[in-house]
All heavy atoms as atom14 arrays in JSON, in Angstrom:
{
  "sequence": "VEKMEGDADLVEALSNLGYRREEARAALGK",
  "atom14_mask": [
    [1, 1, 1, 1, 1, 1, 1, 0, 0, 0, 0, 0, 0, 0],
    [1, 1, 1, 1, 1, 1, 1, 1, 1, 0, 0, 0, 0, 0],
    [1, 1, 1, 1, 1, 1, 1, 1, 1, 0, 0, 0, 0, 0],
    [1, 1, 1, 1, 1, 1, 1, 1, 0, 0, 0, 0, 0, 0],
    [1, 1, 1, 1, 1, 1, 1, 1, 1, 0, 0, 0, 0, 0],
    [1, 1, 1, 1, 0, 0, 0, 0, 0, 0, 0, 0, 0, 0],
    [1, 1, 1, 1, 1, 1, 1, 1, 0, 0, 0, 0, 0, 0],
    [1, 1, 1, 1, 1, 0, 0, 0, 0, 0, 0, 0, 0, 0],
    [1, 1, 1, 1, 1, 1, 1, 1, 0, 0, 0, 0, 0, 0],
    [1, 1, 1, 1, 1, 1, 1, 1, 0, 0, 0, 0, 0, 0],
    [1, 1, 1, 1, 1, 1, 1, 0, 0, 0, 0, 0, 0, 0],
    [1, 1, 1, 1, 1, 1, 1, 1, 1, 0, 0, 0, 0, 0],
    [1, 1, 1, 1, 1, 0, 0, 0, 0, 0, 0, 0, 0, 0],
    [1, 1, 1, 1, 1, 1, 1, 1, 0, 0, 0, 0, 0, 0],
    [1, 1, 1, 1, 1, 1, 0, 0, 0, 0, 0, 0, 0, 0],
    [1, 1, 1, 1, 1, 1, 1, 1, 0, 0, 0, 0, 0, 0],
    [1, 1, 1, 1, 1, 1, 1, 1, 0, 0, 0, 0, 0, 0],
    [1, 1, 1, 1, 0, 0, 0, 0, 0, 0, 0, 0, 0, 0],
    [1, 1, 1, 1, 1, 1, 1, 1, 1, 1, 1, 1, 0, 0],
    [1, 1, 1, 1, 1, 1, 1, 1, 1, 1, 1, 0, 0, 0],
    [1, 1, 1, 1, 1, 1, 1, 1, 1, 1, 1, 0, 0, 0],
    [1, 1, 1, 1, 1, 1, 1, 1, 1, 0, 0, 0, 0, 0],
    [1, 1, 1, 1, 1, 1, 1, 1, 1, 0, 0, 0, 0, 0],
    [1, 1, 1, 1, 1, 0, 0, 0, 0, 0, 0, 0, 0, 0],
    [1, 1, 1, 1, 1, 1, 1, 1, 1, 1, 1, 0, 0, 0],
    [1, 1, 1, 1, 1, 0, 0, 0, 0, 0, 0, 0, 0, 0],
    [1, 1, 1, 1, 1, 0, 0, 0, 0, 0, 0, 0, 0, 0],
    [1, 1, 1, 1, 1, 1, 1, 1, 0, 0, 0, 0, 0, 0],
    [1, 1, 1, 1, 0, 0, 0, 0, 0, 0, 0, 0, 0, 0],
    [1, 1, 1, 1, 1, 1, 1, 1, 1, 0, 0, 0, 0, 0]
  ],
  "atom14_positions": [
    [[-13.45, 4.58, 4.25], [-13.45, 3.43, 3.35], [-12.93, 3.83, 1.97], [-12.18, 3.08, 1.33], [-14.87, 2.82, 3.24], [-14.97, 1.9, 2.04], [-15.2, 2.05, 4.51], [0.0, 0.0, 0.0], [0.0, 0.0, 0.0], [0.0, 0.0, 0.0], [0.0, 0.0, 0.0], [0.0, 0.0, 0.0], [0.0, 0.0, 0.0], [0.0, 0.0, 0.0]],
    [[-13.29, 5.01, 1.5], [-12.8, 5.48, 0.2], [-11.28, 5.6, 0.19], [-10.62, 5.2, -0.77], [-13.43, 6.84, -0.12], [-13.06, 7.38, -1.5], [-13.72, 8.7, -1.81], [-14.64, 9.11, -1.06], [-13.32, 9.34, -2.8], [0.0, 0.0, 0.0], [0.0, 0.0, 0.0], [0.0, 0.0, 0.0], [0.0, 0.0, 0.0], [0.0, 0.0, 0.0]],
    [[-10.74, 6.1, 1.29], [-9.27, 6.19, 1.41], [-8.65, 4.8, 1.45], [-7.6, 4.56, 0.84], [-8.9, 6.96, 2.68], [-7.4, 6.99, 2.97], [-7.12, 7.72, 4.26], [-5.66, 7.57, 4.66], [-5.3, 6.18, 5.0], [0.0, 0.0, 0.0], [0.0, 0.0, 0.0], [0.0, 0.0, 0.0], [0.0, 0.0, 0.0], [0.0, 0.0, 0.0]],
    [[-9.3, 3.86, 2.15], [-8.79, 2.49, 2.22], [-8.71, 1.86, 0.84], [-7.75, 1.15, 0.52], [-9.69, 1.64, 3.11], [-9.55, 1.9, 4.59], [-10.62, 0.81, 5.55], [-9.84, -0.78, 5.26], [0.0, 0.0, 0.0], [0.0, 0.0, 0.0], [0.0, 0.0, 0.0], [0.0, 0.0, 0.0], [0.0, 0.0, 0.0], [0.0, 0.0, 0.0]],
    [[-9.73, 2.09, 0.01], [-9.74, 1.52, -1.34], [-8.56, 2.05, -2.15], [-7.9, 1.3, -2.87], [-11.06, 1.85, -2.02], [-12.25, 1.11, -1.44], [-13.58, 1.58, -2.02], [-13.64, 2.74, -2.46], [-14.53, 0.78, -2.04], [0.0, 0.0, 0.0], [0.0, 0.0, 0.0], [0.0, 0.0, 0.0], [0.0, 0.0, 0.0], [0.0, 0.0, 0.0]],
    [[-8.3, 3.35, -2.03], [-7.17, 3.94, -2.74], [-5.85, 3.39, -2.25], [-4.95, 3.07, -3.04], [0.0, 0.0, 0.0], [0.0, 0.0, 0.0], [0.0, 0.0, 0.0], [0.0, 0.0, 0.0], [0.0, 0.0, 0.0], [0.0, 0.0, 0.0], [0.0, 0.0, 0.0], [0.0, 0.0, 0.0], [0.0, 0.0, 0.0], [0.0, 0.0, 0.0]],
    [[-5.72, 3.25, -0.91], [-4.48, 2.73, -0.35], [-4.26, 1.27, -0.71], [-3.12, 0.81, -0.84], [-4.48, 2.9, 1.17], [-4.14, 4.33, 1.6], [-3.88, 5.17, 0.71], [-4.13, 4.61, 2.82], [0.0, 0.0, 0.0], [0.0, 0.0, 0.0], [0.0, 0.0, 0.0], [0.0, 0.0, 0.0], [0.0, 0.0, 0.0], [0.0, 0.0, 0.0]],
    [[-5.36, 0.51, -0.87], [-5.23, -0.89, -1.29], [-4.6, -0.97, -2.67], [-3.76, -1.84, -2.93], [-6.6, -1.57, -1.28], [0.0, 0.0, 0.0], [0.0, 0.0, 0.0], [0.0, 0.0, 0.0], [0.0, 0.0, 0.0], [0.0, 0.0, 0.0], [0.0, 0.0, 0.0], [0.0, 0.0, 0.0], [0.0, 0.0, 0.0], [0.0, 0.0, 0.0]],
    [[-4.99, -0.06, -3.55], [-4.39, -0.02, -4.89], [-2.92, 0.37, -4.8], [-2.08, -0.15, -5.55], [-5.14, 0.98, -5.77], [-6.57, 0.53, -6.09], [-6.82, -0.68, -6.04], [-7.41, 1.4, -6.39], [0.0, 0.0, 0.0], [0.0, 0.0, 0.0], [0.0, 0.0, 0.0], [0.0, 0.0, 0.0], [0.0, 0.0, 0.0], [0.0, 0.0, 0.0]],
    [[-2.6, 1.27, -3.87], [-1.21, 1.71, -3.71], [-0.34, 0.58, -3.14], [0.82, 0.44, -3.53], [-1.15, 2.93, -2.79], [-1.72, 4.23, -3.39], [-1.7, 5.34, -2.35], [-0.92, 4.64, -4.62], [0.0, 0.0, 0.0], [0.0, 0.0, 0.0], [0.0, 0.0, 0.0], [0.0, 0.0, 0.0], [0.0, 0.0, 0.0], [0.0, 0.0, 0.0]],
    [[-0.9, -0.19, -2.22], [-0.15, -1.34, -1.68], [0.18, -2.31, -2.8], [1.3, -2.85, -2.88], [-0.96, -2.05, -0.57], [-0.34, -3.41, -0.22], [-1.04, -1.18, 0.67], [0.0, 0.0, 0.0], [0.0, 0.0, 0.0], [0.0, 0.0, 0.0], [0.0, 0.0, 0.0], [0.0, 0.0, 0.0], [0.0, 0.0, 0.0], [0.0, 0.0, 0.0]],
    [[-0.78, -2.53, -3.69], [-0.56, -3.42, -4.83], [0.53, -2.87, -5.73], [1.41, -3.61, -6.2], [-1.86, -3.58, -5.61], [-1.84, -4.71, -6.63], [-1.73, -6.07, -6.0], [-2.25, -6.25, -4.87], [-1.11, -6.96, -6.61], [0.0, 0.0, 0.0], [0.0, 0.0, 0.0], [0.0, 0.0, 0.0], [0.0, 0.0, 0.0], [0.0, 0.0, 0.0]],
    [[0.51, -1.56, -5.97], [1.52, -0.92, -6.83], [2.91, -1.03, -6.2], [3.89, -1.35, -6.88], [1.15, 0.54, -7.06], [0.0, 0.0, 0.0], [0.0, 0.0, 0.0], [0.0, 0.0, 0.0], [0.0, 0.0, 0.0], [0.0, 0.0, 0.0], [0.0, 0.0, 0.0], [0.0, 0.0, 0.0], [0.0, 0.0, 0.0], [0.0, 0.0, 0.0]],
    [[3.0, -0.77, -4.9], [4.29, -0.85, -4.2], [4.78, -2.29, -4.15], [5.99, -2.55, -4.23], [4.16, -0.28, -2.79], [3.96, 1.24, -2.73], [3.54, 1.67, -1.32], [5.24, 1.96, -3.14], [0.0, 0.0, 0.0], [0.0, 0.0, 0.0], [0.0, 0.0, 0.0], [0.0, 0.0, 0.0], [0.0, 0.0, 0.0], [0.0, 0.0, 0.0]],
    [[3.85, -3.23, -4.03], [4.21, -4.65, -4.04], [4.82, -5.03, -5.39], [5.81, -5.78, -5.46], [2.98, -5.51, -3.75], [3.29, -6.88, -3.85], [0.0, 0.0, 0.0], [0.0, 0.0, 0.0], [0.0, 0.0, 0.0], [0.0, 0.0, 0.0], [0.0, 0.0, 0.0], [0.0, 0.0, 0.0], [0.0, 0.0, 0.0], [0.0, 0.0, 0.0]],
    [[4.26, -4.51, -6.47], [4.78, -4.77, -7.81], [6.17, -4.16, -8.01], [6.93, -4.62, -8.87], [3.82, -4.23, -8.87], [2.52, -5.02, -8.93], [2.47, -6.18, -8.55], [1.45, -4.37, -9.38], [0.0, 0.0, 0.0], [0.0, 0.0, 0.0], [0.0, 0.0, 0.0], [0.0, 0.0, 0.0], [0.0, 0.0, 0.0], [0.0, 0.0, 0.0]],
    [[6.48, -3.14, -7.2], [7.8, -2.51, -7.27], [8.83, -3.25, -6.41], [10.0, -2.87, -6.36], [7.72, -1.04, -6.82], [6.97, -0.1, -7.77], [6.83, 1.28, -7.14], [7.7, 0.0, -9.12], [0.0, 0.0, 0.0], [0.0, 0.0, 0.0], [0.0, 0.0, 0.0], [0.0, 0.0, 0.0], [0.0, 0.0, 0.0], [0.0, 0.0, 0.0]],
    [[8.38, -4.3, -5.71], [9.32, -5.12, -4.95], [9.26, -4.96, -3.44], [10.01, -5.62, -2.72], [0.0, 0.0, 0.0], [0.0, 0.0, 0.0], [0.0, 0.0, 0.0], [0.0, 0.0, 0.0], [0.0, 0.0, 0.0], [0.0, 0.0, 0.0], [0.0, 0.0, 0.0], [0.0, 0.0, 0.0], [0.0, 0.0, 0.0], [0.0, 0.0, 0.0]],
    [[8.39, -4.08, -2.96], [8.27, -3.89, -1.52], [7.31, -4.91, -0.92], [6.35, -5.32, -1.56], [7.75, -2.47, -1.2], [8.71, -1.38, -1.6], [8.52, -0.64, -2.77], [9.82, -1.09, -0.81], [9.4, 0.36, -3.14], [10.71, -0.09, -1.18], [10.5, 0.64, -2.35], [11.37, 1.62, -2.72], [0.0, 0.0, 0.0], [0.0, 0.0, 0.0]],
    [[7.59, -5.32, 0.31], [6.67, -6.22, 1.0], [5.39, -5.47, 1.36], [5.43, -4.28, 1.66], [7.33, -6.78, 2.27], [8.45, -7.76, 1.99], [9.01, -8.37, 3.26], [9.65, -7.37, 4.1], [9.17, -6.93, 5.26], [8.01, -7.38, 5.71], [9.83, -6.04, 5.96], [0.0, 0.0, 0.0], [0.0, 0.0, 0.0], [0.0, 0.0, 0.0]],
    [[4.27, -6.19, 1.35], [2.99, -5.54, 1.62], [2.96, -4.92, 3.02], [2.36, -3.86, 3.22], [1.84, -6.55, 1.48], [1.64, -7.01, 0.04], [0.52, -8.02, -0.07], [0.39, -8.49, -1.45], [-0.31, -7.86, -2.39], [-0.96, -6.76, -2.09], [-0.37, -8.34, -3.61], [0.0, 0.0, 0.0], [0.0, 0.0, 0.0], [0.0, 0.0, 0.0]],
    [[3.62, -5.58, 3.98], [3.62, -5.06, 5.34], [4.33, -3.71, 5.41], [3.85, -2.76, 6.04], [4.31, -6.04, 6.3], [3.56, -7.34, 6.51], [3.76, -8.33, 5.37], [4.57, -8.05, 4.46], [3.1, -9.39, 5.39], [0.0, 0.0, 0.0], [0.0, 0.0, 0.0], [0.0, 0.0, 0.0], [0.0, 0.0, 0.0], [0.0, 0.0, 0.0]],
    [[5.49, -3.59, 4.74], [6.21, -2.32, 4.79], [5.51, -1.27, 3.93], [5.58, -0.07, 4.25], [7.67, -2.5, 4.36], [7.88, -2.99, 2.94], [9.36, -3.17, 2.63], [10.22, -2.69, 3.42], [9.69, -3.79, 1.59], [0.0, 0.0, 0.0], [0.0, 0.0, 0.0], [0.0, 0.0, 0.0], [0.0, 0.0, 0.0], [0.0, 0.0, 0.0]],
    [[4.82, -1.69, 2.88], [4.05, -0.75, 2.06], [2.92, -0.15, 2.88], [2.69, 1.06, 2.87], [3.5, -1.45, 0.82], [0.0, 0.0, 0.0], [0.0, 0.0, 0.0], [0.0, 0.0, 0.0], [0.0, 0.0, 0.0], [0.0, 0.0, 0.0], [0.0, 0.0, 0.0], [0.0, 0.0, 0.0], [0.0, 0.0, 0.0], [0.0, 0.0, 0.0]],
    [[2.2, -1.01, 3.63], [1.11, -0.51, 4.48], [1.65, 0.41, 5.57], [1.04, 1.44, 5.89], [0.36, -1.69, 5.12], [-0.44, -2.54, 4.15], [-1.35, -3.5, 4.9], [-1.98, -4.45, 4.01], [-1.59, -5.71, 3.86], [-0.58, -6.19, 4.56], [-2.21, -6.52, 3.03], [0.0, 0.0, 0.0], [0.0, 0.0, 0.0], [0.0, 0.0, 0.0]],
    [[2.8, 0.04, 6.15], [3.39, 0.87, 7.21], [3.77, 2.25, 6.67], [3.55, 3.27, 7.32], [4.62, 0.17, 7.8], [0.0, 0.0, 0.0], [0.0, 0.0, 0.0], [0.0, 0.0, 0.0], [0.0, 0.0, 0.0], [0.0, 0.0, 0.0], [0.0, 0.0, 0.0], [0.0, 0.0, 0.0], [0.0, 0.0, 0.0], [0.0, 0.0, 0.0]],
    [[4.33, 2.28, 5.46], [4.72, 3.55, 4.85], [3.49, 4.41, 4.56], [3.48, 5.62, 4.83], [5.5, 3.3, 3.56], [0.0, 0.0, 0.0], [0.0, 0.0, 0.0], [0.0, 0.0, 0.0], [0.0, 0.0, 0.0], [0.0, 0.0, 0.0], [0.0, 0.0, 0.0], [0.0, 0.0, 0.0], [0.0, 0.0, 0.0], [0.0, 0.0, 0.0]],
    [[2.44, 3.81, 4.02], [1.22, 4.55, 3.72], [0.58, 5.08, 5.0], [-0.06, 6.15, 4.99], [0.23, 3.66, 2.97], [0.58, 3.41, 1.5], [-0.28, 2.29, 0.94], [0.41, 4.67, 0.67], [0.0, 0.0, 0.0], [0.0, 0.0, 0.0], [0.0, 0.0, 0.0], [0.0, 0.0, 0.0], [0.0, 0.0, 0.0], [0.0, 0.0, 0.0]],
    [[0.76, 4.35, 6.1], [0.22, 4.81, 7.38], [0.91, 6.05, 7.88], [0.36, 6.78, 8.72], [0.0, 0.0, 0.0], [0.0, 0.0, 0.0], [0.0, 0.0, 0.0], [0.0, 0.0, 0.0], [0.0, 0.0, 0.0], [0.0, 0.0, 0.0], [0.0, 0.0, 0.0], [0.0, 0.0, 0.0], [0.0, 0.0, 0.0], [0.0, 0.0, 0.0]],
    [[2.12, 6.32, 7.38], [2.88, 7.51, 7.81], [2.69, 8.7, 6.87], [3.15, 9.8, 7.16], [4.37, 7.16, 7.89], [4.7, 6.14, 8.97], [6.18, 5.83, 8.99], [6.51, 4.79, 10.06], [7.95, 4.45, 10.08], [0.0, 0.0, 0.0], [0.0, 0.0, 0.0], [0.0, 0.0, 0.0], [0.0, 0.0, 0.0], [0.0, 0.0, 0.0]]
  ]
}
C-alpha cells in the first residue's frame, strides 16, 4: 500500500507532463 501511494503521486506527476494515466500506470508497472 505504501508503494501504491507513492505511485499514485507519480501517475499524477506524469499526467501533468502530458502522459495518459493508463500509459503512466503501465510504465510504472515495468
